[in-house]
N, C-alpha and C. Protein backbone atom coordinates (compact mmCIF):
# COMPACT_ATOMS: atom_id res chain seq x y z
N UNK A 1 20.09 -134.48 42.83
CA UNK A 1 21.67 -134.53 43.35
C UNK A 1 21.80 -132.87 43.30
N UNK A 2 22.30 -132.33 44.23
CA UNK A 2 23.45 -131.22 44.69
C UNK A 2 24.98 -131.82 45.33
N UNK A 3 25.61 -130.52 45.06
CA UNK A 3 26.83 -131.13 45.35
C UNK A 3 27.22 -130.39 46.63
N UNK A 4 27.87 -131.14 48.16
CA UNK A 4 27.82 -130.27 48.74
C UNK A 4 29.96 -130.76 49.41
N UNK A 5 29.93 -129.67 50.02
CA UNK A 5 31.82 -129.62 49.88
C UNK A 5 31.93 -129.58 51.51
N UNK A 6 32.79 -130.26 51.90
CA UNK A 6 33.59 -130.44 53.02
C UNK A 6 34.60 -129.99 53.73
N UNK A 7 34.50 -128.23 54.26
CA UNK A 7 36.23 -127.58 54.34
C UNK A 7 36.86 -127.16 55.66
N UNK A 8 37.23 -128.79 56.21
CA UNK A 8 38.18 -128.99 57.38
C UNK A 8 39.46 -128.59 57.17
N UNK A 9 39.82 -127.82 58.52
CA UNK A 9 41.00 -127.30 58.43
C UNK A 9 42.15 -128.17 59.47
N UNK A 10 43.23 -129.21 58.24
CA UNK A 10 44.85 -129.54 59.79
C UNK A 10 45.10 -128.47 59.45
N UNK A 11 46.44 -129.02 60.79
CA UNK A 11 47.50 -128.80 61.34
C UNK A 11 47.97 -130.11 61.95
N UNK A 12 49.51 -129.50 60.57
CA UNK A 12 50.65 -130.96 61.59
C UNK A 12 51.12 -130.52 63.48
N UNK A 13 50.53 -131.07 64.04
CA UNK A 13 51.61 -130.29 65.62
C UNK A 13 52.57 -130.70 65.88
N UNK A 14 52.36 -132.38 65.69
CA UNK A 14 54.17 -132.62 65.98
C UNK A 14 54.72 -133.43 65.04
N UNK A 15 56.09 -133.49 65.01
CA UNK A 15 56.87 -134.50 64.15
C UNK A 15 57.64 -133.98 63.43
N UNK A 16 58.50 -134.33 62.59
CA UNK A 16 59.65 -133.80 61.48
C UNK A 16 58.41 -133.52 59.79
N UNK A 17 58.82 -132.96 59.10
CA UNK A 17 57.62 -132.15 57.88
C UNK A 17 57.80 -133.60 56.92
N UNK A 18 56.36 -133.28 57.14
CA UNK A 18 55.45 -134.08 56.05
C UNK A 18 56.97 -135.17 55.08
N UNK A 19 57.66 -136.22 54.36
CA UNK A 19 57.73 -136.41 53.06
C UNK A 19 56.94 -137.03 52.13
N UNK A 20 55.44 -137.47 52.72
CA UNK A 20 55.16 -137.88 51.48
C UNK A 20 53.97 -136.95 51.34
N UNK A 21 52.77 -136.65 50.30
CA UNK A 21 51.44 -136.35 50.70
C UNK A 21 51.25 -137.19 51.33
N UNK A 22 50.16 -136.26 52.21
CA UNK A 22 49.46 -136.25 53.53
C UNK A 22 47.77 -137.25 52.80
N UNK A 23 47.03 -137.87 53.81
CA UNK A 23 45.91 -138.10 52.99
C UNK A 23 45.33 -138.13 54.51
N UNK A 24 44.86 -137.24 55.12
CA UNK A 24 44.33 -137.38 56.50
C UNK A 24 42.74 -136.60 55.34
N UNK A 25 42.98 -136.18 54.62
CA UNK A 25 41.90 -135.41 53.70
C UNK A 25 40.76 -136.67 53.18
N UNK A 26 41.25 -137.62 53.17
CA UNK A 26 40.74 -138.89 52.62
C UNK A 26 39.13 -139.22 53.48
N UNK A 27 39.75 -139.29 54.64
CA UNK A 27 39.19 -139.30 55.84
C UNK A 27 37.92 -138.62 56.34
N UNK A 28 37.27 -137.91 54.97
CA UNK A 28 36.22 -136.93 55.18
C UNK A 28 34.86 -137.36 54.57
N UNK A 29 33.66 -136.98 54.70
CA UNK A 29 32.33 -138.15 54.16
C UNK A 29 31.82 -136.40 54.80
N UNK A 30 30.60 -136.91 53.80
CA UNK A 30 29.41 -135.91 54.08
C UNK A 30 28.48 -137.01 54.01
N UNK A 31 27.54 -136.55 55.26
CA UNK A 31 26.04 -137.38 55.48
C UNK A 31 24.75 -136.24 55.16
N UNK A 32 23.63 -137.01 54.76
CA UNK A 32 22.55 -136.41 54.20
C UNK A 32 21.82 -136.74 55.15
N UNK A 33 21.15 -136.41 56.15
CA UNK A 33 19.60 -137.05 56.36
C UNK A 33 19.96 -138.32 56.65
N UNK A 34 20.99 -139.02 56.86
CA UNK A 34 22.04 -140.60 57.88
C UNK A 34 22.38 -141.20 57.15
N UNK A 35 22.15 -140.89 55.89
CA UNK A 35 22.95 -141.52 54.61
C UNK A 35 24.45 -140.77 54.24
N UNK A 36 25.14 -141.36 53.85
CA UNK A 36 26.46 -141.50 53.20
C UNK A 36 26.12 -140.89 51.64
N UNK A 37 26.45 -139.66 51.06
CA UNK A 37 26.05 -138.96 50.19
C UNK A 37 27.59 -140.30 49.01
N UNK A 38 27.45 -139.82 48.10
CA UNK A 38 28.40 -139.99 46.91
C UNK A 38 29.50 -139.63 46.48
N UNK A 39 31.32 -139.52 46.56
CA UNK A 39 32.44 -138.92 46.31
C UNK A 39 32.44 -138.20 45.02
N UNK A 40 32.53 -137.09 44.67
CA UNK A 40 32.65 -136.58 43.97
C UNK A 40 34.16 -136.21 43.03
N UNK A 41 34.70 -137.13 42.78
CA UNK A 41 36.28 -137.18 42.53
C UNK A 41 36.93 -136.18 41.94
N UNK A 42 37.45 -135.38 42.51
CA UNK A 42 38.62 -134.27 41.77
C UNK A 42 37.77 -132.91 41.28
N UNK A 43 36.80 -132.91 42.50
CA UNK A 43 35.88 -131.47 41.76
C UNK A 43 36.52 -130.57 43.63
N UNK A 44 36.63 -131.55 44.78
CA UNK A 44 36.81 -130.77 45.61
C UNK A 44 38.43 -129.71 45.70
N UNK A 45 39.78 -130.01 44.75
CA UNK A 45 40.20 -129.20 44.62
C UNK A 45 40.29 -127.89 43.52
N UNK A 46 39.22 -127.84 43.20
CA UNK A 46 38.85 -127.07 42.26
C UNK A 46 38.04 -125.02 43.35
N UNK A 47 37.42 -125.99 44.42
CA UNK A 47 36.56 -124.81 44.91
C UNK A 47 36.85 -124.69 45.74
N UNK A 48 36.97 -122.84 45.82
CA UNK A 48 37.49 -122.28 46.46
C UNK A 48 38.04 -121.88 47.91
N UNK A 49 38.51 -121.81 48.03
CA UNK A 49 39.38 -122.09 49.79
C UNK A 49 39.87 -123.46 49.75
N UNK A 50 39.30 -124.49 48.18
CA UNK A 50 40.47 -125.33 48.87
C UNK A 50 41.84 -125.58 48.20
N UNK A 51 43.01 -126.75 49.03
CA UNK A 51 44.48 -126.32 49.09
C UNK A 51 44.28 -128.34 48.02
N UNK A 52 45.51 -128.43 47.56
CA UNK A 52 45.79 -129.69 46.59
C UNK A 52 47.00 -130.33 47.66
N UNK A 53 45.64 -132.14 48.25
CA UNK A 53 47.12 -132.36 48.35
C UNK A 53 47.95 -132.36 48.08
N UNK A 54 48.55 -133.10 46.83
CA UNK A 54 49.94 -133.24 45.84
C UNK A 54 50.59 -132.13 46.23
N UNK A 55 49.96 -130.76 46.61
CA UNK A 55 50.94 -129.56 47.01
C UNK A 55 51.12 -129.60 48.60
N UNK A 56 51.22 -130.32 49.41
CA UNK A 56 51.66 -130.59 50.75
C UNK A 56 52.96 -131.13 50.95
N UNK A 57 53.86 -131.97 49.76
CA UNK A 57 55.16 -132.56 50.45
C UNK A 57 55.41 -131.40 51.02
N UNK A 58 55.87 -131.95 52.15
CA UNK A 58 57.09 -131.12 53.38
C UNK A 58 56.42 -130.40 53.78
N UNK A 59 54.65 -130.53 54.88
CA UNK A 59 54.03 -129.83 55.59
C UNK A 59 55.39 -130.09 56.84
N UNK A 60 55.24 -128.81 57.31
CA UNK A 60 56.03 -128.62 58.28
C UNK A 60 55.04 -128.57 59.77
N UNK A 61 55.57 -128.74 60.80
CA UNK A 61 55.19 -128.69 62.10
C UNK A 61 54.60 -127.72 62.21
N UNK A 62 53.57 -127.10 62.58
CA UNK A 62 52.87 -126.23 62.92
C UNK A 62 51.68 -125.34 61.78
N UNK A 63 52.04 -125.74 60.63
CA UNK A 63 51.43 -125.65 59.73
C UNK A 63 49.98 -125.68 59.72
N UNK A 64 48.59 -125.29 58.83
CA UNK A 64 47.29 -125.95 58.67
C UNK A 64 47.30 -125.64 57.35
N UNK A 65 46.33 -126.95 57.08
CA UNK A 65 46.11 -127.07 55.66
C UNK A 65 44.67 -126.13 55.58
N UNK A 66 43.61 -126.10 54.67
CA UNK A 66 42.28 -126.09 54.50
C UNK A 66 41.70 -127.67 53.37
N UNK A 67 41.87 -128.59 53.57
CA UNK A 67 41.57 -129.45 52.57
C UNK A 67 40.17 -130.18 52.60
N UNK A 68 39.52 -130.09 51.10
CA UNK A 68 38.11 -130.72 50.74
C UNK A 68 37.72 -131.88 50.63
N UNK A 69 36.10 -132.06 50.46
CA UNK A 69 36.15 -133.37 49.67
C UNK A 69 34.31 -133.14 49.40
N UNK A 70 34.49 -133.31 48.21
CA UNK A 70 32.83 -133.30 47.68
C UNK A 70 32.38 -134.33 47.40
N UNK A 71 30.54 -134.31 48.27
CA UNK A 71 29.96 -135.26 47.40
C UNK A 71 28.55 -134.86 47.00
N UNK A 72 28.30 -135.70 47.08
CA UNK A 72 26.89 -135.73 46.38
C UNK A 72 25.68 -136.37 46.97
N UNK A 73 24.73 -135.41 47.01
CA UNK A 73 23.51 -135.09 48.78
C UNK A 73 22.15 -134.97 47.46
N UNK A 74 20.84 -135.84 48.57
CA UNK A 74 19.71 -135.34 47.77
C UNK A 74 19.20 -133.67 47.87
N UNK A 75 19.26 -133.21 47.20
CA UNK A 75 18.62 -131.96 46.59
C UNK A 75 17.72 -132.06 48.29
N UNK A 76 17.21 -130.44 48.68
CA UNK A 76 16.47 -131.27 50.11
C UNK A 76 16.79 -132.06 51.46
N UNK A 77 17.84 -132.17 50.84
CA UNK A 77 18.22 -133.08 52.86
C UNK A 77 17.92 -131.76 53.50
N UNK A 78 17.81 -132.01 54.68
CA UNK A 78 17.51 -131.26 55.89
C UNK A 78 18.83 -131.36 57.13
N UNK A 79 18.87 -132.65 56.65
CA UNK A 79 20.34 -131.95 58.44
C UNK A 79 21.59 -133.30 56.90
N UNK A 80 23.03 -131.90 57.45
CA UNK A 80 24.03 -132.75 57.09
C UNK A 80 24.81 -132.92 58.25
N UNK A 81 25.77 -134.10 57.62
CA UNK A 81 27.14 -134.11 59.06
C UNK A 81 28.06 -134.48 58.09
N UNK A 82 28.97 -133.96 58.68
CA UNK A 82 30.03 -134.30 58.02
C UNK A 82 31.50 -135.62 59.35
N UNK A 83 32.14 -136.80 58.50
CA UNK A 83 32.57 -136.94 59.49
C UNK A 83 34.15 -137.41 59.26
N UNK A 84 34.82 -137.12 60.12
CA UNK A 84 36.07 -137.31 59.87
C UNK A 84 36.43 -138.68 60.75
N UNK A 85 37.57 -139.98 60.29
CA UNK A 85 37.87 -140.98 60.78
C UNK A 85 39.47 -141.14 60.36
N UNK A 86 39.87 -141.13 61.77
CA UNK A 86 41.68 -141.59 61.81
C UNK A 86 41.84 -142.38 60.67
N UNK A 87 43.39 -142.39 60.35
CA UNK A 87 44.08 -142.70 59.30
C UNK A 87 43.56 -143.88 59.70
N UNK A 88 43.98 -145.12 60.94
CA UNK A 88 43.21 -146.09 61.33
C UNK A 88 42.39 -146.84 61.67
N UNK A 89 41.41 -146.34 60.98
CA UNK A 89 39.63 -146.41 60.89
C UNK A 89 39.40 -147.15 62.24
N UNK A 90 39.62 -147.56 63.43
CA UNK A 90 39.55 -148.29 64.77
C UNK A 90 39.06 -147.18 65.25
N UNK A 91 38.97 -145.97 65.93
CA UNK A 91 38.25 -145.07 66.88
C UNK A 91 37.26 -143.78 66.09
N UNK A 92 36.44 -144.16 66.35
CA UNK A 92 34.81 -142.97 66.35
C UNK A 92 34.98 -141.47 65.21
N UNK A 93 34.57 -141.84 65.09
CA UNK A 93 34.78 -140.45 64.01
C UNK A 93 34.28 -139.72 64.64
N UNK A 94 34.81 -138.55 64.05
CA UNK A 94 34.25 -136.80 65.13
C UNK A 94 33.26 -136.11 63.94
N UNK A 95 32.25 -136.17 64.59
CA UNK A 95 31.26 -135.56 63.22
C UNK A 95 30.59 -134.22 63.51
N UNK A 96 31.08 -133.75 63.14
CA UNK A 96 29.82 -132.28 63.40
C UNK A 96 28.55 -131.92 61.54
N UNK A 97 27.68 -131.99 62.71
CA UNK A 97 26.20 -131.27 62.30
C UNK A 97 25.35 -130.33 61.72
N UNK A 98 25.26 -130.16 60.41
CA UNK A 98 24.84 -128.63 59.84
C UNK A 98 23.51 -129.03 59.37
N UNK A 99 22.43 -127.77 59.72
CA UNK A 99 21.04 -127.68 59.26
C UNK A 99 21.29 -127.45 57.76
N UNK A 100 20.47 -127.93 56.54
CA UNK A 100 20.43 -127.60 55.18
C UNK A 100 19.78 -126.62 55.62
N UNK A 101 19.24 -126.03 55.78
CA UNK A 101 18.32 -124.70 55.97
C UNK A 101 18.94 -123.63 56.33
């Protein structure tokens, strides 16, 4: 197994500053060759270019932040996908596809 980290840039488009820690990053998942990887809890906050959600209280309209999720996927996987599902979980996920080669 190898670690794969998804870096997703989120922008607070409208509304008042957030008064709580956002949970938008929790909706990101990584799939390798069609199978969801295993979430590696706590790893993403230390990855270069990733921000810690706990530091984003008071996130203002127009601000963007890069939040990350790290998953363990099988070494040698050919295709990787990042899926992001909105908080309510009722909409279809956004999917970005990447070749692992």
